[in-house]
């Protein structure tokens, strides 16, 4: 199987849909291999006291698989860390390095760890650990000798796309994949099923229209893009 074009690393089920699903749909249309990795199991993501975490975990994994399928992503890795429990640990960093060396992506998309003030801690820590895994740990031969013994050679990622950033320098046209993005988001019924669909989509449309401001297209996903030359 060819190397992945993109590895999307998200803290929770549904984060990929907010951050990059419209762009991922374009990549898939271009016959590029896209892999989703979901760090946590999402088992805290409810305000319903009658929905137990173990039930929610199963539900959210199913929802994420369905959402990925909508945009054409067939490979979803569930890393199984506890929701609201992401930490900058050697174990998580190594797990992400293993993913990078396994799929050997050209680019990685994840949440921007440098957003100020209100930002889910899992998003911030996931982004930070991904950045550290990309450079230097995935790149350096002796960072994990045991991964070499597993046949996982070092890999240099060329590009990062960070969603949720306050320092945007790349806006990508998702006008013709908007309907897929919305369909994928609404696969997450445990999160958005209580909202009137038209109202919810209208609010999101306003947000993604604003991200396209100044561009020759209507709707955009926006990122802080980093090219890695080291």
C-alpha atoms as a PDB file:
ATOM      1  CA  UNK A   1       0.000   0.000   0.000  1.00  0.00           C
ATOM      2  CA  UNK A   2       1.361   3.481  -0.819  1.00  0.00           C
ATOM      3  CA  UNK A   3       2.408   5.954   1.864  1.00  0.00           C
ATOM      4  CA  UNK A   4      -0.353   8.219   3.133  1.00  0.00           C
ATOM      5  CA  UNK A   5      -0.649  11.697   1.731  1.00  0.00           C
ATOM      6  CA  UNK A   6      -2.187  13.006   4.966  1.00  0.00           C
ATOM      7  CA  UNK A   7      -2.433  11.838   8.555  1.00  0.00           C
ATOM      8  CA  UNK A   8      -5.140  13.669  10.492  1.00  0.00           C
ATOM      9  CA  UNK A   9      -4.594  13.504  14.258  1.00  0.00           C
ATOM     10  CA  UNK A  10      -7.623  14.635  16.274  1.00  0.00           C
ATOM     11  CA  UNK A  11      -8.166  14.680  20.014  1.00  0.00           C
ATOM     12  CA  UNK A  12     -11.806  13.521  19.850  1.00  0.00           C
ATOM     13  CA  UNK A  13     -14.330  11.952  17.518  1.00  0.00           C
ATOM     14  CA  UNK A  14     -15.871  14.877  15.530  1.00  0.00           C
ATOM     15  CA  UNK A  15     -12.759  17.136  15.696  1.00  0.00           C
ATOM     16  CA  UNK A  16     -11.655  16.015  12.232  1.00  0.00           C
ATOM     17  CA  UNK A  17     -15.063  16.932  10.836  1.00  0.00           C
ATOM     18  CA  UNK A  18     -14.864  20.467  12.204  1.00  0.00           C
ATOM     19  CA  UNK A  19     -11.227  20.971  11.322  1.00  0.00           C
ATOM     20  CA  UNK A  20     -10.462  19.343   8.002  1.00  0.00           C
ATOM     21  CA  UNK A  21     -13.275  17.190   6.569  1.00  0.00           C
ATOM     22  CA  UNK A  22     -13.960  19.441   3.587  1.00  0.00           C
ATOM     23  CA  UNK A  23     -10.288  19.460   2.646  1.00  0.00           C
ATOM     24  CA  UNK A  24      -9.950  15.719   3.293  1.00  0.00           C
ATOM     25  CA  UNK A  25     -12.803  15.109   0.855  1.00  0.00           C
ATOM     26  CA  UNK A  26     -10.792  16.963  -1.812  1.00  0.00           C
ATOM     27  CA  UNK A  27      -7.715  14.850  -1.074  1.00  0.00           C
ATOM     28  CA  UNK A  28      -9.739  11.667  -1.431  1.00  0.00           C
ATOM     29  CA  UNK A  29     -11.185  12.881  -4.738  1.00  0.00           C
ATOM     30  CA  UNK A  30      -7.603  13.343  -5.913  1.00  0.00           C
ATOM     31  CA  UNK A  31      -6.940   9.656  -5.078  1.00  0.00           C
ATOM     32  CA  UNK A  32      -4.715  10.554  -2.137  1.00  0.00           C
ATOM     33  CA  UNK A  33      -4.542   8.225   0.836  1.00  0.00           C
ATOM     34  CA  UNK A  34      -5.865   9.863   4.017  1.00  0.00           C
ATOM     35  CA  UNK A  35      -5.713   8.313   7.495  1.00  0.00           C
ATOM     36  CA  UNK A  36      -7.547   9.550  10.599  1.00  0.00           C
ATOM     37  CA  UNK A  37      -6.109   8.948  14.083  1.00  0.00           C
ATOM     38  CA  UNK A  38      -8.387   9.731  17.037  1.00  0.00           C
ATOM     39  CA  UNK A  39      -6.456  10.119  20.270  1.00  0.00           C
ATOM     40  CA  UNK A  40      -9.244   9.812  22.870  1.00  0.00           C
ATOM     41  CA  UNK A  41     -12.319   7.650  23.103  1.00  0.00           C
ATOM     42  CA  UNK A  42     -14.674  10.617  23.605  1.00  0.00           C
ATOM     43  CA  UNK A  43     -16.405   9.019  26.572  1.00  0.00           C
ATOM     44  CA  UNK A  44     -16.939  12.303  28.476  1.00  0.00           C
ATOM     45  CA  UNK A  45     -18.620  14.159  25.612  1.00  0.00           C
ATOM     46  CA  UNK A  46     -22.204  14.319  26.848  1.00  0.00           C
ATOM     47  CA  UNK A  47     -24.427  16.332  29.190  1.00  0.00           C
ATOM     48  CA  UNK A  48     -26.828  13.385  29.525  1.00  0.00           C
ATOM     49  CA  UNK A  49     -26.385  11.863  33.017  1.00  0.00           C
ATOM     50  CA  UNK A  50     -28.177   8.708  31.860  1.00  0.00           C
ATOM     51  CA  UNK A  51     -25.638   7.966  29.124  1.00  0.00           C
ATOM     52  CA  UNK A  52     -22.795   5.986  30.651  1.00  0.00           C
ATOM     53  CA  UNK A  53     -19.217   6.570  29.449  1.00  0.00           C
ATOM     54  CA  UNK A  54     -18.814   2.988  28.227  1.00  0.00           C
ATOM     55  CA  UNK A  55     -21.951   3.340  26.081  1.00  0.00           C
ATOM     56  CA  UNK A  56     -20.836   6.704  24.753  1.00  0.00           C
ATOM     57  CA  UNK A  57     -17.420   5.347  23.812  1.00  0.00           C
ATOM     58  CA  UNK A  58     -18.969   2.668  21.591  1.00  0.00           C
ATOM     59  CA  UNK A  59     -21.424   5.147  20.115  1.00  0.00           C
ATOM     60  CA  UNK A  60     -18.773   7.729  19.258  1.00  0.00           C
ATOM     61  CA  UNK A  61     -16.461   5.227  17.608  1.00  0.00           C
ATOM     62  CA  UNK A  62     -19.330   4.135  15.372  1.00  0.00           C
ATOM     63  CA  UNK A  63     -20.195   7.754  14.579  1.00  0.00           C
ATOM     64  CA  UNK A  64     -16.588   8.528  13.689  1.00  0.00           C
ATOM     65  CA  UNK A  65     -16.328   5.579  11.327  1.00  0.00           C
ATOM     66  CA  UNK A  66     -19.523   6.678   9.594  1.00  0.00           C
ATOM     67  CA  UNK A  67     -18.333  10.292   9.357  1.00  0.00           C
ATOM     68  CA  UNK A  68     -14.989   9.268   7.864  1.00  0.00           C
ATOM     69  CA  UNK A  69     -16.778   7.068   5.332  1.00  0.00           C
ATOM     70  CA  UNK A  70     -18.881  10.036   4.178  1.00  0.00           C
ATOM     71  CA  UNK A  71     -15.772  11.946   3.061  1.00  0.00           C
ATOM     72  CA  UNK A  72     -14.125   8.790   1.680  1.00  0.00           C
ATOM     73  CA  UNK A  73     -11.624   8.082   4.465  1.00  0.00           C
ATOM     74  CA  UNK A  74     -11.526   4.336   5.040  1.00  0.00           C
ATOM     75  CA  UNK A  75      -8.694   4.128   7.588  1.00  0.00           C
ATOM     76  CA  UNK A  76      -9.452   5.303  11.127  1.00  0.00           C
ATOM     77  CA  UNK A  77      -7.127   4.508  14.031  1.00  0.00           C
ATOM     78  CA  UNK A  78      -8.612   4.753  17.532  1.00  0.00           C
ATOM     79  CA  UNK A  79      -5.802   5.283  20.018  1.00  0.00           C
ATOM     80  CA  UNK A  80      -8.041   4.809  23.064  1.00  0.00           C
ATOM     81  CA  UNK A  81      -6.706   7.460  25.453  1.00  0.00           C
ATOM     82  CA  UNK A  82      -9.248   8.735  28.008  1.00  0.00           C
ATOM     83  CA  UNK A  83     -11.334  11.758  27.081  1.00  0.00           C
ATOM     84  CA  UNK A  84     -10.220  14.844  29.041  1.00  0.00           C
ATOM     85  CA  UNK A  85      -7.093  12.898  29.923  1.00  0.00           C
ATOM     86  CA  UNK A  86      -4.545  13.734  27.222  1.00  0.00           C
ATOM     87  CA  UNK A  87      -1.121  14.423  28.712  1.00  0.00           C
ATOM     88  CA  UNK A  88       2.254  15.203  27.192  1.00  0.00           C
ATOM     89  CA  UNK A  89       3.741  11.815  28.002  1.00  0.00           C
ATOM     90  CA  UNK A  90       6.505   9.717  26.451  1.00  0.00           C
ATOM     91  CA  UNK A  91       3.902   7.004  25.788  1.00  0.00           C
ATOM     92  CA  UNK A  92       1.618   9.229  23.708  1.00  0.00           C
ATOM     93  CA  UNK A  93       4.532  10.779  21.850  1.00  0.00           C
ATOM     94  CA  UNK A  94       5.873   7.355  20.954  1.00  0.00           C
ATOM     95  CA  UNK A  95       2.432   6.168  19.839  1.00  0.00           C
ATOM     96  CA  UNK A  96       2.185   9.126  17.466  1.00  0.00           C
ATOM     97  CA  UNK A  97       5.718   8.570  16.198  1.00  0.00           C
ATOM     98  CA  UNK A  98       4.701   4.973  15.496  1.00  0.00           C
ATOM     99  CA  UNK A  99       1.765   6.224  13.433  1.00  0.00           C
ATOM    100  CA  UNK A 100       3.973   8.651  11.511  1.00  0.00           C
ATOM    101  CA  UNK A 101       6.544   5.976  10.744  1.00  0.00           C
ATOM    102  CA  UNK A 102       3.831   3.465   9.821  1.00  0.00           C
ATOM    103  CA  UNK A 103       1.856   5.670   7.417  1.00  0.00           C
ATOM    104  CA  UNK A 104       4.733   7.986   6.340  1.00  0.00           C
ATOM    105  CA  UNK A 105       2.500  10.960   5.480  1.00  0.00           C
ATOM    106  CA  UNK A 106       3.571  13.964   3.468  1.00  0.00           C
ATOM    107  CA  UNK A 107       1.506  16.205   5.744  1.00  0.00           C
ATOM    108  CA  UNK A 108      -0.157  16.061   9.134  1.00  0.00           C
ATOM    109  CA  UNK A 109      -3.273  17.992  10.113  1.00  0.00           C
ATOM    110  CA  UNK A 110      -4.035  18.540  13.793  1.00  0.00           C
ATOM    111  CA  UNK A 111      -5.233  21.146  16.282  1.00  0.00           C
ATOM    112  CA  UNK A 112      -3.106  24.237  16.884  1.00  0.00           C
ATOM    113  CA  UNK A 113      -1.599  23.957  20.379  1.00  0.00           C
ATOM    114  CA  UNK A 114      -0.884  27.691  20.585  1.00  0.00           C
ATOM    115  CA  UNK A 115      -4.429  29.050  20.568  1.00  0.00           C
ATOM    116  CA  UNK A 116      -4.865  31.402  23.513  1.00  0.00           C
ATOM    117  CA  UNK A 117      -7.243  31.283  26.425  1.00  0.00           C
ATOM    118  CA  UNK A 118     -10.311  29.045  25.867  1.00  0.00           C
ATOM    119  CA  UNK A 119      -9.255  25.861  24.055  1.00  0.00           C
ATOM    120  CA  UNK A 120      -9.998  22.290  25.093  1.00  0.00           C
ATOM    121  CA  UNK A 121      -6.977  20.972  26.945  1.00  0.00           C
ATOM    122  CA  UNK A 122      -7.070  17.738  24.936  1.00  0.00           C
ATOM    123  CA  UNK A 123      -6.842  19.802  21.729  1.00  0.00           C
ATOM    124  CA  UNK A 124      -3.894  21.805  23.025  1.00  0.00           C
ATOM    125  CA  UNK A 125      -1.966  18.791  24.321  1.00  0.00           C
ATOM    126  CA  UNK A 126      -2.693  16.693  21.222  1.00  0.00           C
ATOM    127  CA  UNK A 127      -1.333  19.417  18.961  1.00  0.00           C
ATOM    128  CA  UNK A 128       1.764  19.878  21.110  1.00  0.00           C
ATOM    129  CA  UNK A 129       2.595  16.184  21.247  1.00  0.00           C
ATOM    130  CA  UNK A 130       2.069  15.842  17.492  1.00  0.00           C
ATOM    131  CA  UNK A 131       4.470  18.714  16.811  1.00  0.00           C
ATOM    132  CA  UNK A 132       7.094  17.157  19.067  1.00  0.00           C
ATOM    133  CA  UNK A 133       6.583  13.750  17.458  1.00  0.00           C
ATOM    134  CA  UNK A 134       7.052  15.219  13.980  1.00  0.00           C
ATOM    135  CA  UNK A 135      10.247  17.022  14.953  1.00  0.00           C
ATOM    136  CA  UNK A 136      12.579  15.593  15.970  1.00  0.00           C
ATOM    137  CA  UNK A 137      11.353  12.188  17.187  1.00  0.00           C
ATOM    138  CA  UNK A 138       9.855  10.722  14.002  1.00  0.00           C
ATOM    139  CA  UNK A 139      12.852  11.983  12.041  1.00  0.00           C
ATOM    140  CA  UNK A 140      15.766  10.844  14.188  1.00  0.00           C
ATOM    141  CA  UNK A 141      17.109   7.314  13.746  1.00  0.00           C
ATOM    142  CA  UNK A 142      18.081   6.679  17.359  1.00  0.00           C
ATOM    143  CA  UNK A 143      15.025   8.302  18.961  1.00  0.00           C
ATOM    144  CA  UNK A 144      13.366   4.878  19.310  1.00  0.00           C
ATOM    145  CA  UNK A 145      15.710   1.977  18.548  1.00  0.00           C
ATOM    146  CA  UNK A 146      12.914  -0.503  19.285  1.00  0.00           C
ATOM    147  CA  UNK A 147      10.807   1.005  16.492  1.00  0.00           C
ATOM    148  CA  UNK A 148      13.719   0.412  14.127  1.00  0.00           C
ATOM    149  CA  UNK A 149      13.679  -3.233  15.231  1.00  0.00           C
ATOM    150  CA  UNK A 150       9.947  -3.293  14.340  1.00  0.00           C
ATOM    151  CA  UNK A 151      10.851  -2.129  10.840  1.00  0.00           C
ATOM    152  CA  UNK A 152       9.598   1.426  11.360  1.00  0.00           C
ATOM    153  CA  UNK A 153      12.250   3.629   9.812  1.00  0.00           C
ATOM    154  CA  UNK A 154      12.491   7.384  10.472  1.00  0.00           C
ATOM    155  CA  UNK A 155      10.269   9.643   8.409  1.00  0.00           C
ATOM    156  CA  UNK A 156      10.325  13.379   7.683  1.00  0.00           C
ATOM    157  CA  UNK A 157       6.929  15.051   7.479  1.00  0.00           C
ATOM    158  CA  UNK A 158       6.978  17.919   4.983  1.00  0.00           C
ATOM    159  CA  UNK A 159       4.008  20.008   6.060  1.00  0.00           C
ATOM    160  CA  UNK A 160       1.702  20.722   8.991  1.00  0.00           C
ATOM    161  CA  UNK A 161      -1.829  22.114   8.810  1.00  0.00           C
ATOM    162  CA  UNK A 162      -3.047  23.370  12.189  1.00  0.00           C
ATOM    163  CA  UNK A 163      -6.768  24.001  12.555  1.00  0.00           C
ATOM    164  CA  UNK A 164      -8.345  26.215  15.211  1.00  0.00           C
ATOM    165  CA  UNK A 165      -5.434  28.620  14.850  1.00  0.00           C
ATOM    166  CA  UNK A 166      -5.530  32.331  15.610  1.00  0.00           C
ATOM    167  CA  UNK A 167      -2.683  32.848  13.130  1.00  0.00           C
ATOM    168  CA  UNK A 168      -4.195  31.770   9.823  1.00  0.00           C
ATOM    169  CA  UNK A 169      -2.050  31.799   6.699  1.00  0.00           C
ATOM    170  CA  UNK A 170      -3.846  29.264   4.476  1.00  0.00           C
ATOM    171  CA  UNK A 171      -7.491  29.145   3.389  1.00  0.00           C
ATOM    172  CA  UNK A 172      -8.657  26.209   1.291  1.00  0.00           C
ATOM    173  CA  UNK A 173     -11.808  26.142  -0.806  1.00  0.00           C
ATOM    174  CA  UNK A 174     -14.438  23.707   0.497  1.00  0.00           C
ATOM    175  CA  UNK A 175     -17.425  25.158  -1.341  1.00  0.00           C
ATOM    176  CA  UNK A 176     -18.015  22.021  -3.385  1.00  0.00           C
ATOM    177  CA  UNK A 177     -17.390  19.650  -0.455  1.00  0.00           C
ATOM    178  CA  UNK A 178     -19.488  21.594   2.063  1.00  0.00           C
ATOM    179  CA  UNK A 179     -22.406  19.174   1.859  1.00  0.00           C
ATOM    180  CA  UNK A 180     -20.067  16.252   2.629  1.00  0.00           C
ATOM    181  CA  UNK A 181     -18.600  18.125   5.588  1.00  0.00           C
ATOM    182  CA  UNK A 182     -22.098  18.743   6.973  1.00  0.00           C
ATOM    183  CA  UNK A 183     -23.194  15.165   6.371  1.00  0.00           C
ATOM    184  CA  UNK A 184     -20.081  13.938   8.169  1.00  0.00           C
ATOM    185  CA  UNK A 185     -20.678  16.267  11.113  1.00  0.00           C
ATOM    186  CA  UNK A 186     -24.261  15.085  11.464  1.00  0.00           C
ATOM    187  CA  UNK A 187     -23.052  11.508  11.755  1.00  0.00           C
ATOM    188  CA  UNK A 188     -22.103  12.581  15.298  1.00  0.00           C
ATOM    189  CA  UNK A 189     -25.655  12.402  16.602  1.00  0.00           C
ATOM    190  CA  UNK A 190     -24.467  12.007  20.196  1.00  0.00           C
ATOM    191  CA  UNK A 191     -23.050  15.522  19.921  1.00  0.00           C
ATOM    192  CA  UNK A 192     -25.336  17.412  17.546  1.00  0.00           C
ATOM    193  CA  UNK A 193     -28.560  15.426  17.335  1.00  0.00           C
ATOM    194  CA  UNK A 194     -30.303  17.775  19.765  1.00  0.00           C
ATOM    195  CA  UNK A 195     -29.794  20.806  17.504  1.00  0.00           C
ATOM    196  CA  UNK A 196     -32.240  21.767  14.730  1.00  0.00           C
ATOM    197  CA  UNK A 197     -30.307  20.789  11.626  1.00  0.00           C
ATOM    198  CA  UNK A 198     -31.049  23.862   9.523  1.00  0.00           C
ATOM    199  CA  UNK A 199     -30.187  26.264  12.340  1.00  0.00           C
ATOM    200  CA  UNK A 200     -26.966  24.439  13.187  1.00  0.00           C
ATOM    201  CA  UNK A 201     -25.857  24.266   9.555  1.00  0.00           C
ATOM    202  CA  UNK A 202     -26.672  27.951   9.098  1.00  0.00           C
ATOM    203  CA  UNK A 203     -24.455  28.973  12.015  1.00  0.00           C
ATOM    204  CA  UNK A 204     -21.621  26.811  10.741  1.00  0.00           C
ATOM    205  CA  UNK A 205     -22.025  28.165   7.221  1.00  0.00           C
ATOM    206  CA  UNK A 206     -21.589  31.692   8.579  1.00  0.00           C
ATOM    207  CA  UNK A 207     -18.376  30.603  10.300  1.00  0.00           C
ATOM    208  CA  UNK A 208     -16.847  28.980   7.233  1.00  0.00           C
ATOM    209  CA  UNK A 209     -17.973  31.881   5.033  1.00  0.00           C
ATOM    210  CA  UNK A 210     -16.056  34.222   7.310  1.00  0.00           C
ATOM    211  CA  UNK A 211     -12.966  32.048   6.945  1.00  0.00           C
ATOM    212  CA  UNK A 212     -13.157  32.569   3.163  1.00  0.00           C
ATOM    213  CA  UNK A 213     -13.271  36.361   3.468  1.00  0.00           C
ATOM    214  CA  UNK A 214     -11.122  37.984   0.780  1.00  0.00           C
ATOM    215  CA  UNK A 215     -10.853  34.775  -1.248  1.00  0.00           C
ATOM    216  CA  UNK A 216     -12.465  34.069  -4.646  1.00  0.00           C
ATOM    217  CA  UNK A 217     -14.594  31.271  -3.148  1.00  0.00           C
ATOM    218  CA  UNK A 218     -17.498  31.124  -0.724  1.00  0.00           C
ATOM    219  CA  UNK A 219     -16.517  28.638   1.975  1.00  0.00           C
ATOM    220  CA  UNK A 220     -13.124  27.778   3.457  1.00  0.00           C
ATOM    221  CA  UNK A 221     -11.327  25.697   6.011  1.00  0.00           C
ATOM    222  CA  UNK A 222      -8.443  27.708   7.379  1.00  0.00           C
ATOM    223  CA  UNK A 223      -5.139  26.672   8.906  1.00  0.00           C
ATOM    224  CA  UNK A 224      -1.782  27.788  10.094  1.00  0.00           C
ATOM    225  CA  UNK A 225       0.477  26.060   7.564  1.00  0.00           C
ATOM    226  CA  UNK A 226       4.046  25.094   8.452  1.00  0.00           C
ATOM    227  CA  UNK A 227       6.576  23.816   5.939  1.00  0.00           C
ATOM    228  CA  UNK A 228       9.255  21.648   7.547  1.00  0.00           C
ATOM    229  CA  UNK A 229      12.670  21.887   5.940  1.00  0.00           C
ATOM    230  CA  UNK A 230      14.855  20.439   8.710  1.00  0.00           C
END
